[in-house]
Protein backbone atom coordinates (compact mmCIF):
# COMPACT_ATOMS: atom_id res chain seq x y z
CA MET A 1 0.65 -24.44 15.44
CA PHE A 2 3.05 -27.06 16.81
CA TRP A 3 4.86 -27.56 13.50
CA PRO A 4 8.03 -29.37 14.47
CA LEU A 5 6.04 -31.78 16.64
CA SER A 6 2.75 -31.98 14.75
CA ARG A 7 1.41 -30.98 11.32
CA GLU A 8 -2.10 -30.42 12.69
CA GLY A 9 -3.26 -26.83 12.37
CA PHE A 10 -5.31 -24.77 14.76
CA LEU A 11 -8.29 -22.70 13.70
CA PRO A 12 -11.04 -21.30 15.93
CA ARG A 13 -14.51 -22.79 15.51
CA LEU A 14 -15.93 -19.62 13.85
CA HIS A 15 -12.92 -18.62 11.76
CA VAL A 16 -13.02 -16.66 8.50
CA GLY A 17 -10.60 -17.92 5.83
CA LEU A 18 -8.24 -15.65 3.94
CA GLU A 19 -10.14 -16.31 0.71
CA HIS A 20 -13.42 -15.06 2.23
CA PRO A 21 -15.01 -12.13 0.36
CA VAL A 22 -14.77 -9.91 3.44
CA ASN A 23 -11.00 -10.27 3.48
CA LEU A 24 -10.77 -9.70 -0.27
CA TRP A 25 -12.76 -6.48 0.05
CA LEU A 26 -10.50 -5.34 2.88
CA ILE A 27 -7.46 -5.91 0.65
CA TYR A 28 -9.03 -3.92 -2.20
CA ALA A 29 -10.09 -1.14 0.18
CA GLY A 30 -6.55 -0.97 1.59
CA LEU A 31 -5.04 -0.66 -1.88
CA ALA A 32 -7.57 2.04 -2.80
CA ALA A 33 -6.75 3.90 0.42
CA VAL A 34 -3.01 3.83 -0.33
CA LEU A 35 -3.64 5.13 -3.87
CA GLY A 36 -6.04 7.78 -2.57
CA VAL A 37 -3.53 9.06 -0.03
CA ALA A 38 -0.81 9.06 -2.67
CA LEU A 39 -2.93 11.16 -5.03
CA LEU A 40 -4.46 13.53 -2.49
CA ARG A 41 -1.73 13.93 0.13
CA LYS A 42 1.36 13.12 -1.97
CA ARG A 43 2.46 10.41 0.46
CA THR A 44 3.08 6.68 0.01
CA PRO A 45 4.15 3.88 2.35
CA LEU A 46 7.65 4.24 0.82
CA GLU A 47 8.05 7.36 2.94
CA MET A 48 8.66 5.15 5.99
CA VAL A 49 11.62 3.53 4.23
CA SER A 50 13.05 6.42 2.23
CA PRO A 51 11.59 9.94 1.83
CA LYS A 52 13.59 10.46 -1.37
CA LEU A 53 12.21 7.29 -2.92
CA ASP A 54 8.73 8.41 -1.90
CA ARG A 55 9.21 11.68 -3.80
CA VAL A 56 10.33 9.74 -6.89
CA ALA A 57 7.27 7.47 -6.73
CA VAL A 58 4.82 10.36 -6.27
CA ALA A 59 6.46 12.32 -9.11
CA LEU A 60 5.54 9.56 -11.57
CA PHE A 61 1.89 10.64 -11.27
CA GLN A 62 2.29 14.43 -11.05
CA ALA A 63 2.11 17.04 -13.81
CA LYS A 64 5.20 17.31 -15.99
CA PRO A 65 5.90 20.97 -16.81
CA LEU A 66 9.55 20.49 -17.88
CA ALA A 67 11.02 19.00 -21.05
CA CYS A 68 13.57 16.18 -20.94
CA PHE A 69 16.99 17.31 -22.16
CA CYS A 70 17.54 13.96 -23.96
CA CYS A 71 14.31 13.45 -25.88
CA GLY A 72 12.09 16.47 -25.22
CA ARG A 73 9.31 14.41 -23.61
CA PRO A 74 7.43 15.94 -20.65
CA ALA A 75 9.39 15.65 -17.40
CA ASN A 76 9.11 16.75 -13.77
CA GLN A 77 12.38 15.53 -12.27
CA ARG A 78 15.87 17.00 -12.30
CA CYS A 79 19.21 15.23 -12.20
CA GLY A 80 20.66 15.33 -8.70
CA ARG A 81 24.18 15.80 -10.10
CA CYS A 82 23.91 18.38 -12.90
CA GLY A 83 20.37 19.77 -12.48
CA ARG A 84 19.11 19.01 -16.00
CA SER A 85 15.48 17.99 -16.40
CA ILE A 86 14.94 14.30 -17.14
CA CYS A 87 11.93 12.14 -17.92
CA ALA A 88 11.19 8.78 -16.30
CA ARG A 89 12.61 6.94 -19.33
CA HIS A 90 16.08 8.51 -19.02
CA ALA A 91 16.30 8.92 -15.23
CA ARG A 92 18.53 6.45 -13.39
CA LEU A 93 18.09 5.77 -9.70
CA VAL A 94 21.55 5.89 -8.12
CA ARG A 95 22.92 5.50 -4.62
CA GLY A 96 21.03 7.43 -1.96
CA ALA A 97 17.76 7.31 -3.98
CA ASP A 98 18.94 10.23 -6.13
CA LEU A 99 18.12 10.57 -9.80
CA ALA A 100 20.86 10.98 -12.40
CA CYS A 101 20.80 11.65 -16.12
CA PRO A 102 22.55 9.31 -18.60
CA ASP A 103 25.43 11.79 -19.08
CA CYS A 104 26.44 11.89 -15.40
CA PRO A 105 29.28 9.51 -14.45
CA GLU A 106 27.33 8.01 -11.52
CA ALA A 107 24.60 6.85 -13.88
CA ARG A 108 26.98 4.83 -16.08
CA ALA A 109 28.33 2.74 -13.20
């Protein structure tokens, strides 16, 4: 608590350590809640930072009705530059959290 002056820590008399099972269960419940909201409501904590990046993260777990123009694998994203469908393997995240295909000039840089 007074680190530059003393190395002695301060804990209340009835404290619960971070390794206590109650805290571990709260961590697991928090992770399950984030995953549940992502699956049910199509929202993740990334939305606070970047809505575009949130859409990319949620799309990784959604149905893939399109076919990738490079390899033919199932895809659900489109290139932000040319509009072709791309799978997660060939998509490149470029400036502004946009997706680009390997053929677009922004993806090669």
